[in-house]
Amino acid sequence: MSYDYEEITIPNGRVDRIDFWISPPVLYSVIRTVDKLSQVLSTKSTKVLTAVGKVKDRVEIKEIRTNIGTDLVTVAIDSTYTIPYLELIGGNLAIVAAGFVRYPALKKGINSYATATIVLDDEVQNFENYVSKIAQYMERKVLYRLLKKLERGYRFDLVAIDGSILPAPLPFALPSGIKGRSESKVGKVLSKSFLLMKEIIKLARKHNVAIVGIIKRVRTKYFSIILGEKAPVNDKVIASLLLKPSTYLVLGKLGSIVREYVKYVRGLSLKEVDEVRDALPEVDDIDVVFYRSPMSLYMQSTKVEILNFSNVDLHDIISYLCIHTTHTGVPHFMDMVDAYIRCESKVLPHIQQILESKVIEKGGLPILTGFTNPQKMHLYRDQFHSR
């Protein structure tokens, strides 16, 4: 049985109508758990404020420059994939898309580009992880092709990508295939991304292009190297409390940071970190930066990585990013490319229907395109009413 809504008394005594599908017993348990979690977070807050106080005395916080004296041409690159994916009897299926948007736009010329592929696999255990690595690789293919276009007269000064500059597992370890070990499907994608990244760096250096990684989901605790102990929360929390609007701090070079960071994280190896530095020395040229835009709606800082081969001063690049950051916490050109390549899971049932008809047309078994778990069809219920 499903419920359109359930009336429930929440902890402060107010009664609200909650409009979503959830069974009353589950909702009641969730509300009780929220109360417990709020106590955990309140207790942690004291540790966080203590950590922020220690860090504040050991970092240099600077004001952004409101006039950087140059107009930068930026290319924003992003990728996306459909989550939830389709679980078919013949394998899991997802769409992966990647593309770029140029800012400011040319009056004549190429201002945007998008490409997509369908991933179907029945072997990989963690399918979402596999798809995410394919998305990272596709981003870098787009970036590589853009850098090659510079040789034919196309122009830009800065490339902004969604996420870290270096694809996983960098900067903490090399892909197993690069070290001559056997590789899984995921490992092969990681190795391809690494090799492509080396070529990208060569081209960026040759053409004086800065590469910026805009990191939305921050899990690292790099401020541990300043505290001398593992930080109680991730870097974004600490930086958000440290910085005032229109200020920033440069934490240091990624290679040096990571060498110190391994002391505070179980499972990381200094030997593996140094293998990365030997294979990709440019890891020591990447600046790790936090800034806070005056436009940020939730008073959050933004974490970026900057590999600056351009003729523009690092501080001007940081100021440029901060000035162009909107209430979403990222530069608006990242919002533009995110909207441009959007691909929602709602399209998947239609792809499944097309695939099913094509398989039948070619004399294949339609059962391969059937749903493994019909109970999950409600995830796409808006699309199934016509089936």
Protein backbone atom coordinates (compact mmCIF):
# COMPACT_ATOMS: atom_id res chain seq x y z
CA MET A 1 0.00 0.00 0.00
CA SER A 2 1.23 3.53 -0.74
CA TYR A 3 0.39 6.78 0.97
CA ASP A 4 0.06 10.20 -0.63
CA TYR A 5 0.71 11.87 2.70
CA GLU A 6 0.75 11.24 6.41
CA GLU A 7 0.02 13.69 9.21
CA ILE A 8 2.57 13.42 11.97
CA THR A 9 3.51 15.42 15.05
CA ILE A 10 7.10 16.47 14.64
CA PRO A 11 9.40 17.14 17.65
CA ASN A 12 8.54 20.83 18.12
CA GLY A 13 4.85 19.98 18.40
CA ARG A 14 3.70 21.44 15.10
CA VAL A 15 1.61 19.27 12.79
CA ASP A 16 2.52 19.40 9.13
CA ARG A 17 1.19 17.72 6.04
CA ILE A 18 4.05 15.88 4.37
CA ASP A 19 3.55 15.13 0.68
CA PHE A 20 5.65 12.18 -0.41
CA TRP A 21 5.45 8.40 -0.54
CA ILE A 22 6.56 6.79 2.71
CA SER A 23 4.87 4.40 5.09
CA PRO A 24 3.88 5.86 8.51
CA PRO A 25 6.02 3.43 10.58
CA VAL A 26 9.09 4.24 8.49
CA LEU A 27 8.44 7.98 8.71
CA TYR A 28 8.01 7.80 12.49
CA SER A 29 11.34 5.96 12.85
CA VAL A 30 13.09 8.47 10.63
CA ILE A 31 11.82 11.44 12.67
CA ARG A 32 13.06 9.84 15.90
CA THR A 33 16.47 9.21 14.32
CA VAL A 34 16.71 12.84 13.18
CA ASP A 35 16.38 13.95 16.80
CA LYS A 36 19.30 11.69 17.81
CA LEU A 37 21.44 12.88 14.91
CA SER A 38 20.81 16.51 15.81
CA GLN A 39 22.34 15.82 19.23
CA VAL A 40 25.39 14.17 17.64
CA LEU A 41 25.94 17.17 15.35
CA SER A 42 25.43 19.63 18.19
CA THR A 43 28.11 17.86 20.24
CA LYS A 44 30.48 17.87 17.25
CA SER A 45 29.98 21.63 16.78
CA THR A 46 32.16 22.41 19.79
CA LYS A 47 35.07 20.43 18.30
CA VAL A 48 34.58 22.16 14.96
CA LEU A 49 34.73 25.66 16.45
CA THR A 50 37.88 24.73 18.37
CA ALA A 51 39.51 23.47 15.18
CA VAL A 52 38.53 26.61 13.27
CA GLY A 53 40.09 28.77 15.99
CA LYS A 54 43.40 26.90 15.69
CA VAL A 55 43.46 27.03 11.89
CA LYS A 56 42.62 30.75 11.79
CA ASP A 57 45.90 31.69 13.46
CA ARG A 58 47.94 29.62 10.99
CA VAL A 59 46.61 30.56 7.55
CA GLU A 60 46.70 33.76 5.51
CA ILE A 61 43.26 34.98 4.46
CA LYS A 62 43.18 37.48 1.61
CA GLU A 63 40.62 39.77 0.02
CA ILE A 64 39.58 39.07 -3.56
CA ARG A 65 40.38 41.65 -6.20
CA THR A 66 37.25 43.28 -7.54
CA ASN A 67 39.04 44.44 -10.68
CA ILE A 68 41.38 41.85 -12.18
CA GLY A 69 42.21 43.98 -15.21
CA THR A 70 41.68 41.26 -17.81
CA ASP A 71 38.79 39.53 -19.54
CA LEU A 72 39.19 35.77 -19.37
CA VAL A 73 37.65 33.38 -21.86
CA THR A 74 36.49 30.25 -20.07
CA VAL A 75 35.37 26.83 -21.23
CA ALA A 76 33.28 24.95 -18.64
CA ILE A 77 33.20 21.15 -18.90
CA ASP A 78 30.90 18.76 -17.08
CA SER A 79 29.51 15.25 -17.29
CA THR A 80 26.43 13.52 -15.95
CA TYR A 81 24.90 10.06 -15.77
CA THR A 82 21.47 8.68 -15.02
CA ILE A 83 20.89 7.72 -11.40
CA PRO A 84 18.96 5.60 -10.66
CA TYR A 85 20.02 3.42 -13.59
CA LEU A 86 17.91 0.68 -15.13
CA GLU A 87 18.35 -2.84 -13.82
CA LEU A 88 17.57 -5.06 -16.78
CA ILE A 89 17.73 -8.84 -16.91
CA GLY A 90 20.47 -8.52 -19.52
CA GLY A 91 22.50 -6.06 -17.46
CA ASN A 92 22.48 -2.62 -15.86
CA LEU A 93 21.91 0.32 -18.20
CA ALA A 94 22.77 4.01 -17.83
CA ILE A 95 23.28 7.04 -20.04
CA VAL A 96 26.49 9.06 -19.70
CA ALA A 97 26.77 12.55 -21.18
CA ALA A 98 29.55 15.15 -21.29
CA GLY A 99 30.02 18.51 -22.92
CA PHE A 100 31.24 22.09 -22.71
CA VAL A 101 29.96 25.65 -22.78
CA ARG A 102 32.12 28.64 -23.76
CA TYR A 103 31.86 31.86 -21.75
CA PRO A 104 31.52 34.49 -23.01
CA ALA A 105 29.86 33.16 -26.14
CA LEU A 106 31.22 33.89 -29.60
CA LYS A 107 29.01 35.78 -32.04
CA LYS A 108 30.13 33.27 -34.65
CA GLY A 109 31.70 29.93 -33.85
CA ILE A 110 31.34 26.95 -31.54
CA ASN A 111 30.00 27.89 -28.11
CA SER A 112 28.84 24.49 -26.86
CA TYR A 113 29.10 20.78 -27.53
CA ALA A 114 27.61 17.64 -26.02
CA THR A 115 28.14 13.93 -26.49
CA ALA A 116 26.59 10.86 -24.87
CA THR A 117 26.83 7.10 -24.70
CA ILE A 118 24.85 4.21 -23.24
CA VAL A 119 26.58 1.85 -20.82
CA LEU A 120 25.20 -1.71 -20.56
CA ASP A 121 27.04 -4.15 -18.32
CA ASP A 122 26.25 -7.41 -16.52
CA GLU A 123 29.62 -8.02 -14.82
CA VAL A 124 30.73 -4.99 -12.79
CA GLN A 125 29.75 -5.25 -9.11
CA ASN A 126 29.56 -1.52 -8.39
CA PHE A 127 27.89 -0.30 -11.56
CA GLU A 128 27.41 3.30 -10.40
CA ASN A 129 31.13 3.61 -9.64
CA TYR A 130 31.94 2.19 -13.07
CA VAL A 131 29.63 4.66 -14.78
CA SER A 132 31.06 7.60 -12.80
CA LYS A 133 34.58 6.71 -13.96
CA ILE A 134 33.39 6.57 -17.58
CA ALA A 135 31.89 10.04 -17.06
CA GLN A 136 35.25 11.33 -15.78
CA TYR A 137 36.99 9.88 -18.82
CA MET A 138 34.47 11.45 -21.19
CA GLU A 139 35.04 14.85 -19.55
CA ARG A 140 38.73 14.56 -20.21
CA LYS A 141 38.17 13.49 -23.81
CA VAL A 142 36.16 16.68 -24.30
CA LEU A 143 38.95 18.69 -22.65
CA TYR A 144 41.65 17.04 -24.79
CA ARG A 145 39.76 17.81 -28.01
CA LEU A 146 39.27 21.42 -26.94
CA LEU A 147 42.98 21.86 -26.27
CA LYS A 148 43.75 20.40 -29.70
CA LYS A 149 41.41 23.00 -31.22
CA LEU A 150 43.74 25.72 -29.93
CA GLU A 151 46.15 24.66 -32.64
CA ARG A 152 43.49 25.60 -35.21
CA GLY A 153 42.74 29.09 -33.92
CA TYR A 154 40.14 28.46 -31.20
CA ARG A 155 40.82 30.55 -28.10
CA PHE A 156 40.29 30.31 -24.37
CA ASP A 157 42.37 31.09 -21.29
CA LEU A 158 40.85 28.85 -18.65
CA VAL A 159 39.16 25.46 -18.49
CA ALA A 160 36.85 24.74 -15.56
CA ILE A 161 35.91 21.12 -14.92
CA ASP A 162 33.48 19.64 -12.42
CA GLY A 163 35.47 17.92 -9.69
CA SER A 164 39.16 17.41 -9.03
CA ILE A 165 41.65 18.09 -11.81
CA LEU A 166 43.20 14.65 -11.47
CA PRO A 167 40.91 11.64 -11.96
CA ALA A 168 40.66 9.01 -9.23
CA PRO A 169 42.58 7.33 -7.68
CA LEU A 170 44.97 10.26 -8.08
CA PRO A 171 46.58 11.96 -6.21
CA PHE A 172 46.66 9.17 -3.64
CA ALA A 173 47.63 6.24 -5.89
CA LEU A 174 48.25 5.28 -9.50
CA PRO A 175 45.79 3.08 -11.39
CA SER A 176 46.85 -0.55 -11.07
CA GLY A 177 47.38 -0.91 -14.83
CA ILE A 178 49.91 1.93 -14.87
CA LYS A 179 51.94 -0.06 -12.36
CA GLY A 180 51.79 -3.17 -14.56
CA ARG A 181 49.17 -5.04 -12.55
CA SER A 182 46.06 -6.77 -13.85
CA GLU A 183 43.03 -4.52 -14.26
CA SER A 184 39.30 -4.76 -13.83
CA LYS A 185 36.92 -2.95 -16.18
CA VAL A 186 36.96 0.01 -13.83
CA GLY A 187 40.74 -0.10 -13.64
CA LYS A 188 41.06 0.06 -17.41
CA VAL A 189 38.96 3.22 -17.50
CA LEU A 190 41.11 4.75 -14.73
CA SER A 191 44.30 3.98 -16.67
CA LYS A 192 42.88 5.57 -19.83
CA SER A 193 41.96 8.69 -17.86
CA PHE A 194 45.44 8.91 -16.36
CA LEU A 195 47.21 8.61 -19.72
CA LEU A 196 44.86 11.15 -21.27
CA MET A 197 45.47 13.52 -18.35
CA LYS A 198 49.21 13.47 -19.06
CA GLU A 199 48.52 14.58 -22.64
CA ILE A 200 46.09 17.24 -21.43
CA ILE A 201 48.72 18.73 -19.13
CA LYS A 202 51.27 18.86 -21.96
CA LEU A 203 48.82 20.72 -24.19
CA ALA A 204 47.71 23.10 -21.43
CA ARG A 205 51.33 24.00 -20.73
CA LYS A 206 52.07 24.45 -24.45
CA HIS A 207 49.11 26.79 -24.98
CA ASN A 208 49.27 28.67 -21.64
CA VAL A 209 45.88 27.49 -20.41
CA ALA A 210 44.86 27.30 -16.74
CA ILE A 211 42.92 24.22 -15.60
CA VAL A 212 40.56 24.67 -12.67
CA GLY A 213 38.74 21.90 -10.82
CA ILE A 214 35.51 23.06 -9.13
CA ILE A 215 34.94 20.63 -6.27
CA LYS A 216 31.33 20.55 -5.07
CA ARG A 217 31.42 17.45 -2.87
CA VAL A 218 34.26 17.87 -0.41
CA ARG A 219 35.29 14.78 1.54
CA THR A 220 38.93 15.56 2.24
CA LYS A 221 40.18 16.81 5.59
CA TYR A 222 43.33 18.59 4.39
CA PHE A 223 43.17 21.06 7.29
CA SER A 224 44.45 18.13 9.38
CA ILE A 225 47.97 19.05 8.26
CA ILE A 226 47.59 22.44 9.96
CA LEU A 227 45.89 21.09 13.08
CA GLY A 228 48.44 18.31 13.55
CA GLU A 229 45.61 15.85 14.04
CA LYS A 230 42.70 14.55 12.01
CA ALA A 231 40.17 17.33 11.49
CA PRO A 232 36.72 16.68 13.00
CA VAL A 233 34.94 17.63 9.75
CA ASN A 234 35.69 18.03 6.06
CA ASP A 235 37.50 21.01 4.57
CA LYS A 236 34.37 22.73 3.29
CA VAL A 237 32.95 23.11 6.80
CA ILE A 238 36.14 24.57 8.23
CA ALA A 239 36.75 26.91 5.28
CA SER A 240 33.14 28.13 5.37
CA LEU A 241 33.54 29.14 9.02
CA LEU A 242 36.99 30.65 8.45
CA LEU A 243 36.20 32.84 5.47
CA LYS A 244 34.11 35.96 5.22
CA PRO A 245 32.41 36.90 1.94
CA SER A 246 34.89 37.98 -0.79
CA THR A 247 37.89 36.36 0.90
CA TYR A 248 40.04 33.33 0.09
CA LEU A 249 42.97 31.27 1.26
CA VAL A 250 45.54 29.17 -0.57
CA LEU A 251 46.19 26.05 1.48
CA GLY A 252 49.23 24.99 -0.56
CA LYS A 253 50.38 22.72 -3.38
CA LEU A 254 48.45 19.47 -3.75
CA GLY A 255 51.53 17.23 -3.85
CA SER A 256 52.94 18.60 -0.60
CA ILE A 257 49.54 18.57 1.10
CA VAL A 258 48.89 14.94 0.25
CA ARG A 259 52.32 13.82 1.50
CA GLU A 260 51.44 15.23 4.93
CA TYR A 261 47.79 14.18 4.77
CA VAL A 262 48.61 10.45 4.62
CA LYS A 263 49.63 10.62 8.29
CA TYR A 264 46.03 11.23 9.31
CA VAL A 265 44.09 8.86 7.04
CA ARG A 266 44.13 5.13 7.47
CA GLY A 267 44.67 3.25 4.21
CA LEU A 268 46.74 5.91 2.46
CA SER A 269 50.38 5.19 1.69
CA LEU A 270 53.24 7.67 1.36
CA LYS A 271 54.91 5.27 -1.07
CA GLU A 272 51.89 5.31 -3.38
CA VAL A 273 51.60 9.10 -3.14
CA ASP A 274 55.25 9.44 -4.17
CA GLU A 275 54.63 7.07 -7.10
CA VAL A 276 52.02 9.53 -8.33
CA ARG A 277 54.45 12.44 -7.99
CA ASP A 278 57.10 10.52 -9.94
CA ALA A 279 54.67 9.63 -12.73
CA LEU A 280 52.97 13.05 -12.79
CA PRO A 281 55.25 15.76 -11.36
CA GLU A 282 52.63 18.43 -12.10
CA VAL A 283 50.76 17.33 -8.97
CA ASP A 284 53.20 19.66 -7.19
CA ASP A 285 52.00 22.59 -9.31
CA ILE A 286 48.31 22.34 -8.38
CA ASP A 287 47.16 24.95 -5.86
CA VAL A 288 44.41 23.99 -3.39
CA VAL A 289 42.23 27.03 -2.78
CA PHE A 290 39.12 27.92 -0.78
CA TYR A 291 37.11 31.07 -1.38
CA ARG A 292 33.77 32.45 -0.27
CA SER A 293 31.59 34.36 -2.67
CA PRO A 294 29.44 37.28 -1.48
CA MET A 295 26.61 35.66 -3.47
CA SER A 296 26.65 32.31 -1.66
CA LEU A 297 23.14 31.60 -0.38
CA TYR A 298 24.16 29.16 2.36
CA MET A 299 27.35 30.93 3.51
CA GLN A 300 29.42 28.10 2.06
CA SER A 301 32.97 28.21 0.82
CA THR A 302 33.99 26.85 -2.56
CA LYS A 303 36.95 24.51 -2.97
CA VAL A 304 38.95 24.67 -6.18
CA GLU A 305 42.17 23.23 -7.55
CA ILE A 306 44.15 25.39 -9.97
CA LEU A 307 46.88 24.24 -12.35
CA ASN A 308 47.97 27.58 -13.75
CA PHE A 309 49.92 27.53 -17.00
CA SER A 310 48.33 30.80 -18.12
CA ASN A 311 49.85 34.27 -18.13
CA VAL A 312 47.24 35.38 -15.59
CA ASP A 313 48.22 35.77 -11.94
CA LEU A 314 46.89 33.06 -9.59
CA HIS A 315 45.19 35.63 -7.36
CA ASP A 316 43.43 37.13 -10.38
CA ILE A 317 42.11 33.69 -11.34
CA ILE A 318 40.78 33.15 -7.82
CA SER A 319 39.13 36.58 -7.86
CA TYR A 320 37.62 35.86 -11.28
CA LEU A 321 36.11 32.60 -10.01
CA CYS A 322 34.76 34.28 -6.87
CA ILE A 323 33.23 37.19 -8.78
CA HIS A 324 31.42 34.80 -11.12
CA THR A 325 30.16 32.49 -8.36
CA THR A 326 26.40 32.57 -7.80
CA HIS A 327 24.08 31.55 -4.95
CA THR A 328 24.69 27.90 -5.98
CA GLY A 329 28.25 28.14 -4.66
CA VAL A 330 29.92 27.56 -8.06
CA PRO A 331 30.76 29.88 -10.97
CA HIS A 332 27.72 30.50 -13.15
CA PHE A 333 29.36 28.96 -16.22
CA MET A 334 29.35 25.64 -14.33
CA ASP A 335 25.60 26.07 -13.83
CA MET A 336 25.32 26.72 -17.58
CA VAL A 337 27.09 23.54 -18.63
CA ASP A 338 25.24 21.53 -15.98
CA ALA A 339 21.93 22.60 -17.52
CA TYR A 340 23.21 22.08 -21.06
CA ILE A 341 24.13 18.40 -20.63
CA ARG A 342 21.31 17.47 -18.26
CA CYS A 343 19.99 13.94 -18.72
CA GLU A 344 17.36 12.73 -16.25
CA SER A 345 16.56 9.12 -15.43
CA LYS A 346 13.01 9.68 -16.67
CA VAL A 347 14.29 9.11 -20.19
CA LEU A 348 15.51 5.58 -19.42
CA PRO A 349 12.15 3.77 -19.81
CA HIS A 350 11.89 5.21 -23.32
CA ILE A 351 15.41 4.00 -24.10
CA GLN A 352 14.44 0.57 -22.76
CA GLN A 353 11.41 0.49 -25.07
CA ILE A 354 13.51 1.44 -28.09
CA LEU A 355 16.14 -1.14 -27.15
CA GLU A 356 13.50 -3.83 -26.73
CA SER A 357 11.99 -3.15 -30.16
CA LYS A 358 15.43 -3.10 -31.80
CA VAL A 359 16.38 -6.43 -30.20
CA ILE A 360 13.15 -8.02 -31.46
CA GLU A 361 13.72 -6.50 -34.90
CA LYS A 362 17.17 -8.11 -35.05
CA GLY A 363 15.88 -11.51 -33.93
CA GLY A 364 17.22 -11.30 -30.37
CA LEU A 365 15.64 -12.30 -27.07
CA PRO A 366 13.40 -9.52 -25.67
CA ILE A 367 13.74 -11.01 -22.17
CA LEU A 368 17.24 -9.51 -22.05
CA THR A 369 15.66 -6.04 -22.00
CA GLY A 370 13.11 -6.86 -19.30
CA PHE A 371 13.23 -5.36 -15.81
CA THR A 372 15.05 -7.41 -13.16
CA ASN A 373 12.97 -5.93 -10.36
CA PRO A 374 9.51 -4.72 -11.48
CA GLN A 375 8.89 -3.53 -7.89
CA LYS A 376 11.23 -0.61 -8.62
CA MET A 377 9.17 0.59 -11.55
CA HIS A 378 7.69 3.24 -9.25
CA LEU A 379 10.98 5.12 -9.61
CA TYR A 380 9.87 5.89 -13.13
CA ARG A 381 6.11 5.86 -12.52
CA ASP A 382 5.57 9.14 -14.38
CA GLN A 383 6.86 7.45 -17.49
CA PHE A 384 5.15 4.07 -17.25
CA HIS A 385 1.52 5.11 -17.42
CA SER A 386 1.54 4.72 -21.21
CA ARG A 387 3.06 1.25 -21.30
